[in-house]
Amino acid sequence: MIIRQFVYLDALARERHFRRAADACSISQPTLSAAIAQLEAELGVVIVKRGRRFIGLTPEGELVLSHARRILADAQSLKDSLSELRTGLRGALRIGAIPTALPLVAHITAPFSRRYPAVKLTVLSLTSQDIQSRIDNYELDVGLSYLDNEPLSGVIPKPVYHEAYVALFREDDRAAAASEIAWADVAQRDLCLLTPDMQNRRIIDGIFRSVGHAPTPVIETNSIFNLCTHAAIPGIASIVSRQLVDFFGLPPGVRSARLIEPNAIRTIGLIMADREPTPPLARALFAMTDFMSDATAVTNHLR
């Protein structure tokens, strides 16, 4: 019974609404409420703040939730391990990817799905901070994120490829005639950059600071697509990863120039929670990327 109660508590914490949590668990709202009340009675603490609607969890409730999620993750890992022994891998694998890595995700998940067709994959576009938080809270199994820029904690990393950077210009812009351009020169332009909550933006800001500049973008967006399309506007330049251009190409009327001085790169890779036993689905995905030393290797493998 306590496992089921933990499932209900986890759903309530995610949905923050009794009816939606009950719907997510395919039960009635009174059944969910009764299960939470029974869990409170069994543990001798108040878990949910009382009110006409869901307000939040008590401090004791947050502690119970943390343990509940760990227990549920271990229970699911046990089921997956038993399934692996009996019939092969099956179940659900949740992956979070930073937006700049989205072009590469399919080149990781496609071979995995071919090898393990019984595993359902869910891929979410998230910031690096959200990925770390959701792995910590057992809401994600694997992340695809930066490994060498901002500190990671409690995870096992595996490098997949190196991210390099290019500037995008309208094709009739004088800068579009060059194949390379210095970061300091781009800093003088009207820029479209990602929003500050995204690590790619913080990386780019850090590179600009390293060459003595702190440009203020005239356009900010949380969309990689918008970064590319805004470069078609007269006078606007965007900065994107070279891999984005390699995989998706350029919008009509836009050209790219490699950013130099410095030739900056960052490492992007997989991360999963550092705990034993290792969840079998996450372990299998890590094993599938042994051939991926960089983005070129990914492309060549698929060809």
Protein backbone atom coordinates (compact mmCIF):
# COMPACT_ATOMS: atom_id res chain seq x y z
CA MET A 1 0.00 0.00 0.00
CA ILE A 2 2.78 2.48 0.89
CA ILE A 3 4.24 2.31 -2.63
CA ARG A 4 0.85 3.27 -4.05
CA GLN A 5 0.60 6.12 -1.55
CA PHE A 6 4.02 7.34 -2.65
CA VAL A 7 2.85 7.29 -6.28
CA TYR A 8 -0.13 9.43 -5.34
CA LEU A 9 2.02 11.85 -3.32
CA ASP A 10 4.46 12.21 -6.21
CA ALA A 11 1.60 12.95 -8.60
CA LEU A 12 0.14 15.53 -6.21
CA ALA A 13 3.50 17.28 -5.88
CA ARG A 14 3.88 17.39 -9.68
CA GLU A 15 0.32 18.45 -10.54
CA ARG A 16 -0.21 20.68 -7.49
CA HIS A 17 -3.92 19.94 -7.78
CA PHE A 18 -5.90 17.08 -6.24
CA ARG A 19 -8.17 16.39 -9.20
CA ARG A 20 -5.39 16.54 -11.79
CA ALA A 21 -3.23 14.29 -9.62
CA ALA A 22 -6.09 11.80 -9.31
CA ASP A 23 -6.63 11.87 -13.07
CA ALA A 24 -2.91 11.25 -13.63
CA CYS A 25 -3.16 8.18 -11.40
CA SER A 26 -6.47 7.03 -12.98
CA ILE A 27 -8.27 7.10 -9.66
CA SER A 28 -10.98 9.26 -8.09
CA GLN A 29 -10.10 12.36 -6.11
CA PRO A 30 -11.57 10.96 -2.86
CA THR A 31 -9.39 7.85 -3.28
CA LEU A 32 -6.27 9.96 -3.64
CA SER A 33 -7.18 12.18 -0.70
CA ALA A 34 -7.89 9.15 1.48
CA ALA A 35 -4.54 7.55 0.54
CA ILE A 36 -2.64 10.71 1.46
CA ALA A 37 -4.52 10.93 4.76
CA GLN A 38 -3.70 7.28 5.48
CA LEU A 39 -0.01 7.94 4.72
CA GLU A 40 -0.06 10.86 7.15
CA ALA A 41 -1.60 8.61 9.80
CA GLU A 42 0.94 5.85 9.23
CA LEU A 43 3.92 8.25 9.42
CA GLY A 44 2.44 10.42 12.18
CA VAL A 45 3.05 13.72 10.36
CA VAL A 46 1.04 16.24 8.38
CA ILE A 47 2.19 16.06 4.75
CA VAL A 48 -0.17 18.42 2.92
CA LYS A 49 -0.96 21.98 4.00
CA ARG A 50 -4.67 22.14 4.61
CA GLY A 51 -6.92 24.45 2.62
CA ARG A 52 -9.85 24.44 0.18
CA ARG A 53 -7.38 23.68 -2.60
CA PHE A 54 -3.82 22.38 -2.77
CA ILE A 55 -1.48 24.94 -1.15
CA GLY A 56 1.70 22.91 -0.90
CA LEU A 57 3.53 20.41 1.26
CA THR A 58 4.64 20.92 4.82
CA PRO A 59 8.37 20.69 5.62
CA GLU A 60 7.69 17.14 6.79
CA GLY A 61 5.84 16.51 3.55
CA GLU A 62 8.81 17.70 1.48
CA LEU A 63 11.02 15.26 3.38
CA VAL A 64 8.56 12.41 2.81
CA LEU A 65 8.37 13.32 -0.88
CA SER A 66 12.16 13.21 -1.23
CA HIS A 67 12.29 9.70 0.26
CA ALA A 68 9.21 8.64 -1.70
CA ARG A 69 10.77 9.60 -5.01
CA ARG A 70 13.96 7.72 -4.19
CA ILE A 71 11.98 4.63 -3.20
CA LEU A 72 9.84 4.83 -6.35
CA ALA A 73 12.96 5.21 -8.50
CA ASP A 74 14.54 2.16 -6.84
CA ALA A 75 11.32 0.18 -7.27
CA GLN A 76 11.19 1.06 -10.96
CA SER A 77 14.85 0.19 -11.37
CA LEU A 78 14.15 -3.20 -9.78
CA LYS A 79 11.29 -3.83 -12.21
CA ASP A 80 13.47 -2.81 -15.16
CA SER A 81 16.30 -5.08 -13.99
CA LEU A 82 13.97 -8.05 -13.63
CA SER A 83 12.51 -7.33 -17.04
CA GLU A 84 16.01 -7.18 -18.51
CA LEU A 85 16.74 -10.66 -17.16
CA ARG A 86 13.46 -12.18 -18.36
CA THR A 87 12.51 -10.56 -21.65
CA GLY A 88 14.99 -7.78 -22.37
CA LEU A 89 14.82 -4.07 -21.67
CA ARG A 90 11.43 -2.42 -21.61
CA GLY A 91 9.82 0.46 -19.73
CA ALA A 92 10.12 4.24 -20.01
CA LEU A 93 13.23 6.39 -20.24
CA ARG A 94 12.99 10.14 -19.58
CA ILE A 95 15.63 12.34 -21.21
CA GLY A 96 16.18 16.07 -20.74
CA ALA A 97 18.26 17.96 -23.31
CA ILE A 98 19.50 21.53 -23.41
CA PRO A 99 18.10 23.36 -26.46
CA THR A 100 21.47 23.67 -28.23
CA ALA A 101 21.86 19.87 -28.08
CA LEU A 102 18.43 19.08 -29.54
CA PRO A 103 19.84 18.59 -33.08
CA LEU A 104 21.90 15.68 -31.70
CA VAL A 105 19.20 13.98 -29.65
CA ALA A 106 17.70 11.97 -32.50
CA HIS A 107 21.15 10.64 -33.35
CA ILE A 108 21.33 9.17 -29.86
CA THR A 109 17.74 8.01 -29.42
CA ALA A 110 17.27 6.53 -32.91
CA PRO A 111 19.86 3.72 -32.55
CA PHE A 112 18.68 3.14 -28.99
CA SER A 113 15.07 2.69 -30.13
CA ARG A 114 16.12 0.33 -32.89
CA ARG A 115 17.96 -1.84 -30.39
CA TYR A 116 15.37 -1.60 -27.60
CA PRO A 117 11.97 -1.15 -29.30
CA ALA A 118 10.06 -1.99 -26.10
CA VAL A 119 11.42 1.10 -24.32
CA LYS A 120 9.32 4.26 -24.55
CA LEU A 121 11.42 7.41 -24.80
CA THR A 122 10.36 10.88 -23.65
CA VAL A 123 12.60 13.82 -24.60
CA LEU A 124 12.12 17.24 -22.98
CA SER A 125 13.82 20.51 -23.89
CA LEU A 126 15.11 21.94 -20.60
CA THR A 127 17.73 24.33 -19.27
CA SER A 128 20.84 22.79 -17.73
CA GLN A 129 19.66 23.86 -14.28
CA ASP A 130 16.29 22.16 -14.80
CA ILE A 131 18.05 18.99 -15.94
CA GLN A 132 20.21 18.90 -12.80
CA SER A 133 17.19 19.59 -10.58
CA ARG A 134 15.01 16.93 -12.21
CA ILE A 135 17.75 14.31 -12.01
CA ASP A 136 18.19 15.18 -8.33
CA ASN A 137 14.42 14.78 -7.81
CA TYR A 138 14.16 11.49 -9.77
CA GLU A 139 12.05 13.18 -12.44
CA LEU A 140 14.59 12.51 -15.21
CA ASP A 141 16.69 9.44 -15.95
CA VAL A 142 19.28 10.98 -18.27
CA GLY A 143 20.32 14.48 -19.27
CA LEU A 144 22.20 15.83 -22.28
CA SER A 145 23.93 18.95 -21.02
CA TYR A 146 27.16 20.92 -20.70
CA LEU A 147 29.84 19.06 -18.73
CA ASP A 148 32.68 21.57 -18.36
CA ASN A 149 31.18 25.01 -17.81
CA GLU A 150 29.11 25.10 -14.62
CA PRO A 151 29.54 22.62 -11.76
CA LEU A 152 27.52 19.40 -11.81
CA SER A 153 26.79 17.42 -8.66
CA GLY A 154 25.76 13.86 -7.88
CA VAL A 155 25.90 12.69 -11.49
CA ILE A 156 27.98 10.45 -13.74
CA PRO A 157 29.06 12.33 -16.90
CA LYS A 158 29.90 10.93 -20.32
CA PRO A 159 31.22 13.27 -23.05
CA VAL A 160 29.44 12.97 -26.41
CA TYR A 161 30.67 15.89 -28.55
CA HIS A 162 32.23 19.35 -28.50
CA GLU A 163 30.15 22.44 -29.19
CA ALA A 164 31.77 25.19 -31.28
CA TYR A 165 30.27 28.54 -32.28
CA VAL A 166 29.47 30.52 -35.42
CA ALA A 167 28.00 33.96 -36.03
CA LEU A 168 25.05 34.32 -38.40
CA PHE A 169 24.54 37.32 -40.66
CA ARG A 170 22.18 38.36 -43.42
CA GLU A 171 23.88 37.32 -46.68
CA ASP A 172 24.11 40.93 -47.96
CA ASP A 173 25.87 42.01 -44.73
CA ARG A 174 29.53 42.90 -45.29
CA ALA A 175 30.55 40.47 -42.51
CA ALA A 176 28.91 37.59 -44.40
CA ALA A 177 31.72 37.61 -46.97
CA ALA A 178 34.27 36.32 -44.44
CA SER A 179 34.55 32.70 -43.33
CA GLU A 180 35.83 33.73 -39.88
CA ILE A 181 35.22 36.62 -37.51
CA ALA A 182 36.66 37.53 -34.10
CA TRP A 183 34.48 37.55 -31.01
CA ALA A 184 35.56 41.15 -30.33
CA ASP A 185 34.26 42.24 -33.73
CA VAL A 186 30.90 40.53 -33.26
CA ALA A 187 30.56 42.26 -29.89
CA GLN A 188 30.14 45.56 -31.73
CA ARG A 189 27.04 44.31 -33.57
CA ASP A 190 23.35 44.36 -32.67
CA LEU A 191 22.94 40.82 -31.37
CA CYS A 192 20.16 38.28 -30.96
CA LEU A 193 21.12 35.89 -28.14
CA LEU A 194 19.46 33.31 -25.94
CA THR A 195 17.95 34.44 -22.65
CA PRO A 196 20.21 34.60 -19.54
CA ASP A 197 18.53 31.58 -17.91
CA MET A 198 20.13 29.36 -20.56
CA GLN A 199 23.70 28.16 -20.05
CA ASN A 200 24.59 28.73 -23.71
CA ARG A 201 23.99 32.44 -23.14
CA ARG A 202 26.11 32.42 -19.99
CA ILE A 203 28.90 30.68 -21.93
CA ILE A 204 28.76 33.29 -24.69
CA ASP A 205 28.74 36.13 -22.15
CA GLY A 206 31.83 34.59 -20.54
CA ILE A 207 33.66 34.39 -23.87
CA PHE A 208 32.84 38.02 -24.59
CA ARG A 209 34.16 39.01 -21.14
CA SER A 210 37.39 37.12 -21.86
CA VAL A 211 38.06 39.46 -24.80
CA GLY A 212 37.09 42.57 -22.85
CA HIS A 213 33.52 43.07 -24.05
CA ALA A 214 30.06 42.86 -22.51
CA PRO A 215 27.57 43.40 -25.33
CA THR A 216 23.90 44.02 -24.62
CA PRO A 217 21.70 42.09 -27.06
CA VAL A 218 18.87 43.93 -28.74
CA ILE A 219 16.84 40.70 -28.98
CA GLU A 220 16.69 37.82 -26.51
CA THR A 221 14.87 34.53 -27.11
CA ASN A 222 14.67 31.06 -25.59
CA SER A 223 14.19 29.53 -29.04
CA ILE A 224 17.06 28.18 -31.16
CA PHE A 225 14.80 28.60 -34.20
CA ASN A 226 14.36 32.30 -33.45
CA LEU A 227 18.12 32.75 -33.11
CA CYS A 228 18.55 31.61 -36.70
CA THR A 229 15.62 33.45 -38.24
CA HIS A 230 16.46 36.79 -36.62
CA ALA A 231 19.81 36.75 -38.39
CA ALA A 232 17.89 37.43 -41.61
CA ILE A 233 16.90 40.86 -40.27
CA PRO A 234 19.14 43.70 -41.59
CA GLY A 235 21.77 44.70 -39.05
CA ILE A 236 21.15 41.76 -36.66
CA ALA A 237 23.73 39.04 -35.92
CA SER A 238 23.11 35.83 -33.97
CA ILE A 239 25.47 33.35 -32.34
CA VAL A 240 24.64 29.63 -32.51
CA SER A 241 26.45 26.33 -32.23
CA ARG A 242 28.19 25.07 -35.36
CA GLN A 243 26.40 21.74 -34.89
CA LEU A 244 23.04 23.45 -35.30
CA VAL A 245 24.11 24.75 -38.70
CA ASP A 246 25.68 21.41 -39.67
CA PHE A 247 22.51 19.45 -38.99
CA PHE A 248 19.73 21.89 -39.91
CA GLY A 249 21.39 24.19 -42.43
CA LEU A 250 20.85 27.95 -42.63
CA PRO A 251 17.63 29.88 -43.22
CA PRO A 252 17.31 31.47 -46.68
CA GLY A 253 19.33 34.65 -46.96
CA VAL A 254 21.62 33.85 -43.99
CA ARG A 255 25.32 32.97 -43.92
CA SER A 256 27.64 31.86 -41.12
CA ALA A 257 31.20 32.72 -40.05
CA ARG A 258 33.31 30.71 -37.62
CA LEU A 259 34.03 32.59 -34.42
CA ILE A 260 37.74 32.87 -33.57
CA GLU A 261 40.06 34.61 -31.12
CA PRO A 262 39.38 32.58 -29.07
CA ASN A 263 38.46 29.28 -30.74
CA ALA A 264 36.07 28.43 -27.94
CA ILE A 265 34.51 25.01 -27.47
CA ARG A 266 32.46 23.38 -24.70
CA THR A 267 31.82 19.70 -24.00
CA ILE A 268 28.28 18.36 -24.12
CA GLY A 269 27.51 14.90 -22.82
CA LEU A 270 25.15 12.58 -21.04
CA ILE A 271 24.61 12.67 -17.29
CA MET A 272 22.76 10.30 -15.00
CA ALA A 273 22.40 10.08 -11.23
CA ASP A 274 25.43 8.65 -9.45
CA ARG A 275 23.77 5.89 -7.50
CA GLU A 276 23.92 2.12 -7.19
CA PRO A 277 22.59 -0.02 -8.62
CA THR A 278 22.70 1.88 -11.90
CA PRO A 279 19.23 2.05 -13.50
CA PRO A 280 19.36 -0.39 -16.46
CA LEU A 281 17.70 1.90 -19.02
CA ALA A 282 20.08 4.79 -18.31
CA ARG A 283 23.02 2.38 -18.31
CA ALA A 284 21.96 1.03 -21.71
CA LEU A 285 21.71 4.53 -23.21
CA PHE A 286 25.19 5.37 -21.92
CA ALA A 287 26.53 2.17 -23.49
CA MET A 288 24.94 3.04 -26.84
CA THR A 289 27.05 6.22 -27.07
CA ASP A 290 30.45 4.54 -26.77
CA PHE A 291 31.06 5.26 -30.46
CA MET A 292 30.29 8.98 -30.12
CA SER A 293 33.50 10.91 -29.53
CA ASP A 294 32.23 14.04 -31.28
CA ALA A 295 29.46 15.34 -33.53
CA THR A 296 31.25 14.15 -36.67
CA ALA A 297 31.31 10.60 -35.33
CA VAL A 298 27.57 10.81 -34.70
CA THR A 299 26.92 11.94 -38.26
CA ASN A 300 29.20 9.32 -39.82
CA HIS A 301 27.60 6.58 -37.75
CA LEU A 302 24.16 7.45 -39.08
CA ARG A 303 25.34 7.62 -42.66
